[in-house]
Amino acid sequence: MTTHLLFIRHARSTWNDVGRWQGQADPPLSETGLAEARLLAERLRRTWRIDHIYASDLQRAATTAGIVAEALGLTVTVDPVWRERGIGQFEGLTNNEIETRFPAEWASMRHGPMVAPGGEPAEAVLARATQGCDGLLAHHADQTVAIVSHGGMILATLVHLLGLGPMGYAVLVGGRHTAISEVKIEDGHLRLERLNDYAHLELAVTA
């Protein structure tokens, strides 16, 4: 019995276009993001036979999943367990603004989970990831499931599934928008099949 979980980062939002951290803020997809989502949908249609699609309730993920679902003839299950980590005072800031105002917190990402003042604790994010994965494995054994989520949440989920511990946050990196990370569970054994695969975006640039 083999289960495939495809964790997919949402397409670009209007805040991504201007370099602002979002957390649980809810900006829409940009025009670039809509184009990315269509490329993702075509990649998934050609490469996998997907049985079910889940998405975060934040619109940048839900809209991405909706475009994919329409292409595949599926229905999206929206579940807030897959929403991005709340990032407190980082929300709406750029990389430079965070590094300038919160240098110690910015540096924390080199050694473990990010420390975001006023944000959701890393332990709470891991608990959500555990809850979400337990639900997927309970309801979709021997199926292929796509989960459209967010960079921080996908990172926490992979750290959980791979049993990496706190340093896993510094070892793994978040993928580009619409990047796919595939986890295969076969007879109780888990393997990371691909990490942050965005070949569909590269092919579009070179076509």
C-alpha atoms as a PDB file:
ATOM      1  CA  MET A   1       0.000   0.000   0.000  1.00  0.00           C
ATOM      2  CA  THR A   2       1.498   3.313  -1.124  1.00  0.00           C
ATOM      3  CA  THR A   3       0.361   6.831  -0.275  1.00  0.00           C
ATOM      4  CA  HIS A   4       1.759   9.928  -1.991  1.00  0.00           C
ATOM      5  CA  LEU A   5       1.478  13.362  -0.380  1.00  0.00           C
ATOM      6  CA  LEU A   6       2.271  16.343  -2.607  1.00  0.00           C
ATOM      7  CA  PHE A   7       2.881  19.466  -0.532  1.00  0.00           C
ATOM      8  CA  ILE A   8       2.628  22.496  -2.820  1.00  0.00           C
ATOM      9  CA  ARG A   9       3.381  26.108  -2.022  1.00  0.00           C
ATOM     10  CA  HIS A  10       0.767  28.582  -3.246  1.00  0.00           C
ATOM     11  CA  ALA A  11       1.366  30.787  -6.286  1.00  0.00           C
ATOM     12  CA  ARG A  12       2.593  34.376  -5.937  1.00  0.00           C
ATOM     13  CA  SER A  13       0.372  36.895  -4.171  1.00  0.00           C
ATOM     14  CA  THR A  14       0.304  40.667  -4.513  1.00  0.00           C
ATOM     15  CA  TRP A  15       2.379  40.891  -1.309  1.00  0.00           C
ATOM     16  CA  ASN A  16       4.924  38.398  -2.649  1.00  0.00           C
ATOM     17  CA  ASP A  17       5.335  40.664  -5.663  1.00  0.00           C
ATOM     18  CA  VAL A  18       6.496  43.502  -3.391  1.00  0.00           C
ATOM     19  CA  GLY A  19       8.489  41.315  -0.970  1.00  0.00           C
ATOM     20  CA  ARG A  20       6.227  41.553   2.083  1.00  0.00           C
ATOM     21  CA  TRP A  21       5.913  38.728   4.600  1.00  0.00           C
ATOM     22  CA  GLN A  22       2.329  37.562   4.931  1.00  0.00           C
ATOM     23  CA  GLY A  23       1.848  35.037   7.688  1.00  0.00           C
ATOM     24  CA  GLN A  24      -1.902  34.840   8.146  1.00  0.00           C
ATOM     25  CA  ALA A  25      -2.633  38.065   6.260  1.00  0.00           C
ATOM     26  CA  ASP A  26      -4.782  37.312   3.237  1.00  0.00           C
ATOM     27  CA  PRO A  27      -3.759  39.108   0.027  1.00  0.00           C
ATOM     28  CA  PRO A  28      -4.951  37.638  -3.312  1.00  0.00           C
ATOM     29  CA  LEU A  29      -2.881  36.093  -6.065  1.00  0.00           C
ATOM     30  CA  SER A  30      -1.190  38.518  -8.431  1.00  0.00           C
ATOM     31  CA  GLU A  31      -1.412  38.207 -12.197  1.00  0.00           C
ATOM     32  CA  THR A  32       1.944  36.430 -12.115  1.00  0.00           C
ATOM     33  CA  GLY A  33       0.562  34.085  -9.487  1.00  0.00           C
ATOM     34  CA  LEU A  34      -2.482  33.230 -11.566  1.00  0.00           C
ATOM     35  CA  ALA A  35      -0.195  32.314 -14.471  1.00  0.00           C
ATOM     36  CA  GLU A  36       1.963  30.183 -12.146  1.00  0.00           C
ATOM     37  CA  ALA A  37      -1.108  28.344 -10.865  1.00  0.00           C
ATOM     38  CA  ARG A  38      -2.140  27.459 -14.410  1.00  0.00           C
ATOM     39  CA  LEU A  39       1.338  26.084 -15.148  1.00  0.00           C
ATOM     40  CA  LEU A  40       1.192  24.072 -11.927  1.00  0.00           C
ATOM     41  CA  ALA A  41      -2.227  22.671 -12.881  1.00  0.00           C
ATOM     42  CA  GLU A  42      -0.924  21.491 -16.228  1.00  0.00           C
ATOM     43  CA  ARG A  43       2.129  19.885 -14.596  1.00  0.00           C
ATOM     44  CA  LEU A  44       0.003  18.017 -12.099  1.00  0.00           C
ATOM     45  CA  ARG A  45      -2.465  16.929 -14.773  1.00  0.00           C
ATOM     46  CA  ARG A  46       0.321  15.427 -16.874  1.00  0.00           C
ATOM     47  CA  THR A  47       2.437  13.902 -14.104  1.00  0.00           C
ATOM     48  CA  TRP A  48       0.224  12.506 -11.327  1.00  0.00           C
ATOM     49  CA  ARG A  49      -3.153  10.895 -10.960  1.00  0.00           C
ATOM     50  CA  ILE A  50      -4.372  12.902  -7.992  1.00  0.00           C
ATOM     51  CA  ASP A  51      -7.280  11.610  -5.920  1.00  0.00           C
ATOM     52  CA  HIS A  52      -7.930  14.584  -3.657  1.00  0.00           C
ATOM     53  CA  ILE A  53      -6.877  18.206  -3.119  1.00  0.00           C
ATOM     54  CA  TYR A  54      -6.666  20.052   0.180  1.00  0.00           C
ATOM     55  CA  ALA A  55      -5.890  23.740   0.665  1.00  0.00           C
ATOM     56  CA  SER A  56      -5.301  26.311   3.345  1.00  0.00           C
ATOM     57  CA  ASP A  57      -8.231  28.667   3.863  1.00  0.00           C
ATOM     58  CA  LEU A  58      -6.067  31.702   3.007  1.00  0.00           C
ATOM     59  CA  GLN A  59      -7.027  32.831  -0.466  1.00  0.00           C
ATOM     60  CA  ARG A  60      -3.577  32.660  -2.057  1.00  0.00           C
ATOM     61  CA  ALA A  61      -3.577  28.902  -1.367  1.00  0.00           C
ATOM     62  CA  ALA A  62      -7.290  28.276  -1.900  1.00  0.00           C
ATOM     63  CA  THR A  63      -7.275  30.094  -5.260  1.00  0.00           C
ATOM     64  CA  THR A  64      -4.195  28.162  -6.397  1.00  0.00           C
ATOM     65  CA  ALA A  65      -5.873  24.899  -5.414  1.00  0.00           C
ATOM     66  CA  GLY A  66      -9.083  25.921  -7.154  1.00  0.00           C
ATOM     67  CA  ILE A  67      -7.270  26.441 -10.463  1.00  0.00           C
ATOM     68  CA  VAL A  68      -5.634  23.028 -10.091  1.00  0.00           C
ATOM     69  CA  ALA A  69      -8.905  21.361  -9.122  1.00  0.00           C
ATOM     70  CA  GLU A  70     -10.714  22.771 -12.140  1.00  0.00           C
ATOM     71  CA  ALA A  71      -8.044  21.385 -14.460  1.00  0.00           C
ATOM     72  CA  LEU A  72      -8.229  17.955 -12.808  1.00  0.00           C
ATOM     73  CA  GLY A  73     -12.001  17.754 -12.390  1.00  0.00           C
ATOM     74  CA  LEU A  74     -11.745  17.592  -8.591  1.00  0.00           C
ATOM     75  CA  THR A  75     -13.176  19.492  -5.634  1.00  0.00           C
ATOM     76  CA  VAL A  76     -10.987  21.282  -3.079  1.00  0.00           C
ATOM     77  CA  THR A  77     -11.319  20.558   0.625  1.00  0.00           C
ATOM     78  CA  VAL A  78     -10.422  23.800   2.414  1.00  0.00           C
ATOM     79  CA  ASP A  79      -8.941  23.183   5.851  1.00  0.00           C
ATOM     80  CA  PRO A  80      -7.486  25.911   8.103  1.00  0.00           C
ATOM     81  CA  VAL A  81      -5.059  23.391   9.600  1.00  0.00           C
ATOM     82  CA  TRP A  82      -2.908  24.036   6.495  1.00  0.00           C
ATOM     83  CA  ARG A  83      -2.794  27.833   6.826  1.00  0.00           C
ATOM     84  CA  GLU A  84       0.497  29.655   7.227  1.00  0.00           C
ATOM     85  CA  ARG A  85       2.136  30.254  10.565  1.00  0.00           C
ATOM     86  CA  GLY A  86       1.099  33.476  12.283  1.00  0.00           C
ATOM     87  CA  ILE A  87       4.184  35.717  12.262  1.00  0.00           C
ATOM     88  CA  GLY A  88       3.141  38.511  14.605  1.00  0.00           C
ATOM     89  CA  GLN A  89       5.178  41.696  14.192  1.00  0.00           C
ATOM     90  CA  PHE A  90       6.847  40.418  11.001  1.00  0.00           C
ATOM     91  CA  GLU A  91       3.573  40.580   9.085  1.00  0.00           C
ATOM     92  CA  GLY A  92       3.673  43.108   6.249  1.00  0.00           C
ATOM     93  CA  LEU A  93       7.430  43.753   6.557  1.00  0.00           C
ATOM     94  CA  THR A  94      10.173  43.096   4.003  1.00  0.00           C
ATOM     95  CA  ASN A  95      13.313  41.023   4.616  1.00  0.00           C
ATOM     96  CA  ASN A  96      15.382  44.180   5.124  1.00  0.00           C
ATOM     97  CA  GLU A  97      12.880  45.655   7.563  1.00  0.00           C
ATOM     98  CA  ILE A  98      12.786  42.474   9.648  1.00  0.00           C
ATOM     99  CA  GLU A  99      16.570  42.109   9.689  1.00  0.00           C
ATOM    100  CA  THR A 100      16.989  45.762  10.721  1.00  0.00           C
ATOM    101  CA  ARG A 101      14.291  45.858  13.409  1.00  0.00           C
ATOM    102  CA  PHE A 102      14.657  42.293  14.742  1.00  0.00           C
ATOM    103  CA  PRO A 103      18.278  41.187  14.147  1.00  0.00           C
ATOM    104  CA  ALA A 104      18.323  38.474  16.832  1.00  0.00           C
ATOM    105  CA  GLU A 105      15.038  36.986  15.657  1.00  0.00           C
ATOM    106  CA  TRP A 106      16.201  37.105  12.029  1.00  0.00           C
ATOM    107  CA  ALA A 107      19.394  35.279  12.972  1.00  0.00           C
ATOM    108  CA  SER A 108      17.392  32.580  14.798  1.00  0.00           C
ATOM    109  CA  MET A 109      16.457  31.020  11.451  1.00  0.00           C
ATOM    110  CA  ARG A 110      20.054  29.821  11.005  1.00  0.00           C
ATOM    111  CA  HIS A 111      19.762  27.435  13.934  1.00  0.00           C
ATOM    112  CA  GLY A 112      16.148  26.313  14.158  1.00  0.00           C
ATOM    113  CA  PRO A 113      12.550  27.495  13.794  1.00  0.00           C
ATOM    114  CA  MET A 114      12.053  31.218  13.286  1.00  0.00           C
ATOM    115  CA  VAL A 115      11.251  33.271  16.382  1.00  0.00           C
ATOM    116  CA  ALA A 116       8.576  35.817  15.434  1.00  0.00           C
ATOM    117  CA  PRO A 117       7.588  38.319  18.157  1.00  0.00           C
ATOM    118  CA  GLY A 118       3.875  37.964  18.800  1.00  0.00           C
ATOM    119  CA  GLY A 119       3.683  35.089  16.331  1.00  0.00           C
ATOM    120  CA  GLU A 120       2.454  31.530  16.541  1.00  0.00           C
ATOM    121  CA  PRO A 121       4.881  29.345  18.524  1.00  0.00           C
ATOM    122  CA  ALA A 122       6.789  26.732  16.544  1.00  0.00           C
ATOM    123  CA  GLU A 123       5.313  24.043  18.794  1.00  0.00           C
ATOM    124  CA  ALA A 124       1.792  25.070  17.792  1.00  0.00           C
ATOM    125  CA  VAL A 125       2.689  24.934  14.096  1.00  0.00           C
ATOM    126  CA  LEU A 126       4.131  21.441  14.527  1.00  0.00           C
ATOM    127  CA  ALA A 127       0.966  20.385  16.339  1.00  0.00           C
ATOM    128  CA  ARG A 128      -1.109  21.585  13.389  1.00  0.00           C
ATOM    129  CA  ALA A 129       1.195  19.760  10.969  1.00  0.00           C
ATOM    130  CA  THR A 130       0.855  16.565  13.001  1.00  0.00           C
ATOM    131  CA  GLN A 131      -2.931  16.904  13.096  1.00  0.00           C
ATOM    132  CA  GLY A 132      -3.117  17.527   9.365  1.00  0.00           C
ATOM    133  CA  CYS A 133      -0.859  14.626   8.425  1.00  0.00           C
ATOM    134  CA  ASP A 134      -2.667  12.222  10.761  1.00  0.00           C
ATOM    135  CA  GLY A 135      -5.922  13.140   9.031  1.00  0.00           C
ATOM    136  CA  LEU A 136      -4.492  12.623   5.565  1.00  0.00           C
ATOM    137  CA  LEU A 137      -3.053   9.210   6.387  1.00  0.00           C
ATOM    138  CA  ALA A 138      -6.263   8.118   8.105  1.00  0.00           C
ATOM    139  CA  HIS A 139      -8.582   9.122   5.243  1.00  0.00           C
ATOM    140  CA  HIS A 140      -6.444   8.711   2.113  1.00  0.00           C
ATOM    141  CA  ALA A 141      -4.401   5.547   2.488  1.00  0.00           C
ATOM    142  CA  ASP A 142      -3.135   4.230  -0.867  1.00  0.00           C
ATOM    143  CA  GLN A 143      -4.076   7.492  -2.631  1.00  0.00           C
ATOM    144  CA  THR A 144      -2.260  10.509  -4.048  1.00  0.00           C
ATOM    145  CA  VAL A 145      -3.211  13.739  -2.297  1.00  0.00           C
ATOM    146  CA  ALA A 146      -2.168  17.308  -3.122  1.00  0.00           C
ATOM    147  CA  ILE A 147      -2.024  19.830  -0.287  1.00  0.00           C
ATOM    148  CA  VAL A 148      -1.711  23.480  -1.317  1.00  0.00           C
ATOM    149  CA  SER A 149      -0.260  25.329   1.641  1.00  0.00           C
ATOM    150  CA  HIS A 150       2.492  27.834   2.516  1.00  0.00           C
ATOM    151  CA  GLY A 151       6.275  27.902   2.773  1.00  0.00           C
ATOM    152  CA  GLY A 152       6.467  27.971   6.561  1.00  0.00           C
ATOM    153  CA  MET A 153       3.751  25.395   7.078  1.00  0.00           C
ATOM    154  CA  ILE A 154       5.206  23.008   4.504  1.00  0.00           C
ATOM    155  CA  LEU A 155       8.625  23.345   6.133  1.00  0.00           C
ATOM    156  CA  ALA A 156       7.162  22.468   9.539  1.00  0.00           C
ATOM    157  CA  THR A 157       5.277  19.532   8.022  1.00  0.00           C
ATOM    158  CA  LEU A 158       8.409  18.086   6.407  1.00  0.00           C
ATOM    159  CA  VAL A 159      10.374  18.546   9.644  1.00  0.00           C
ATOM    160  CA  HIS A 160       7.608  16.596  11.403  1.00  0.00           C
ATOM    161  CA  LEU A 161       7.293  13.805   8.838  1.00  0.00           C
ATOM    162  CA  LEU A 162      11.040  13.319   8.454  1.00  0.00           C
ATOM    163  CA  GLY A 163      11.694  13.492  12.200  1.00  0.00           C
ATOM    164  CA  LEU A 164      14.428  16.099  11.759  1.00  0.00           C
ATOM    165  CA  GLY A 165      14.069  18.019  15.026  1.00  0.00           C
ATOM    166  CA  PRO A 166      14.681  21.773  15.432  1.00  0.00           C
ATOM    167  CA  MET A 167      17.759  21.862  13.184  1.00  0.00           C
ATOM    168  CA  GLY A 168      15.587  20.652  10.340  1.00  0.00           C
ATOM    169  CA  TYR A 169      14.321  24.207   9.934  1.00  0.00           C
ATOM    170  CA  ALA A 170      17.852  25.366   9.140  1.00  0.00           C
ATOM    171  CA  VAL A 171      18.712  22.388   6.922  1.00  0.00           C
ATOM    172  CA  LEU A 172      15.621  22.452   4.696  1.00  0.00           C
ATOM    173  CA  VAL A 173      14.703  25.524   2.697  1.00  0.00           C
ATOM    174  CA  GLY A 174      11.325  26.853   1.624  1.00  0.00           C
ATOM    175  CA  GLY A 175      10.506  26.355  -2.030  1.00  0.00           C
ATOM    176  CA  ARG A 176       9.612  28.837  -4.744  1.00  0.00           C
ATOM    177  CA  HIS A 177       5.955  29.540  -5.414  1.00  0.00           C
ATOM    178  CA  THR A 178       4.078  26.430  -6.659  1.00  0.00           C
ATOM    179  CA  ALA A 179       7.085  24.221  -5.801  1.00  0.00           C
ATOM    180  CA  ILE A 180       6.175  20.592  -5.129  1.00  0.00           C
ATOM    181  CA  SER A 181       7.589  18.442  -2.315  1.00  0.00           C
ATOM    182  CA  GLU A 182       6.545  14.792  -2.541  1.00  0.00           C
ATOM    183  CA  VAL A 183       6.478  12.355   0.358  1.00  0.00           C
ATOM    184  CA  LYS A 184       5.903   8.644  -0.300  1.00  0.00           C
ATOM    185  CA  ILE A 185       4.652   6.340   2.444  1.00  0.00           C
ATOM    186  CA  GLU A 186       4.910   2.679   1.508  1.00  0.00           C
ATOM    187  CA  ASP A 187       4.059  -0.071   3.990  1.00  0.00           C
ATOM    188  CA  GLY A 188       4.744   2.298   6.869  1.00  0.00           C
ATOM    189  CA  HIS A 189       8.103   3.512   5.526  1.00  0.00           C
ATOM    190  CA  LEU A 190       8.387   7.186   4.604  1.00  0.00           C
ATOM    191  CA  ARG A 191      10.653   8.646   1.936  1.00  0.00           C
ATOM    192  CA  LEU A 192      11.115  12.162   0.566  1.00  0.00           C
ATOM    193  CA  GLU A 193      10.808  11.695  -3.204  1.00  0.00           C
ATOM    194  CA  ARG A 194      11.313  15.326  -4.266  1.00  0.00           C
ATOM    195  CA  LEU A 195      11.902  18.669  -2.551  1.00  0.00           C
ATOM    196  CA  ASN A 196      10.847  22.083  -3.907  1.00  0.00           C
ATOM    197  CA  ASP A 197      10.424  20.930  -7.506  1.00  0.00           C
ATOM    198  CA  TYR A 198       9.356  23.855  -9.714  1.00  0.00           C
ATOM    199  CA  ALA A 199      10.362  22.492 -13.131  1.00  0.00           C
ATOM    200  CA  HIS A 200       7.056  23.691 -14.605  1.00  0.00           C
ATOM    201  CA  LEU A 201       8.147  27.309 -14.009  1.00  0.00           C
ATOM    202  CA  GLU A 202      11.604  26.758 -15.522  1.00  0.00           C
ATOM    203  CA  LEU A 203      10.156  25.133 -18.621  1.00  0.00           C
ATOM    204  CA  ALA A 204       7.808  28.082 -19.104  1.00  0.00           C
ATOM    205  CA  VAL A 205      10.763  30.497 -19.076  1.00  0.00           C
ATOM    206  CA  THR A 206      12.740  28.504 -21.628  1.00  0.00           C
ATOM    207  CA  ALA A 207       9.824  27.619 -23.924  1.00  0.00           C
END
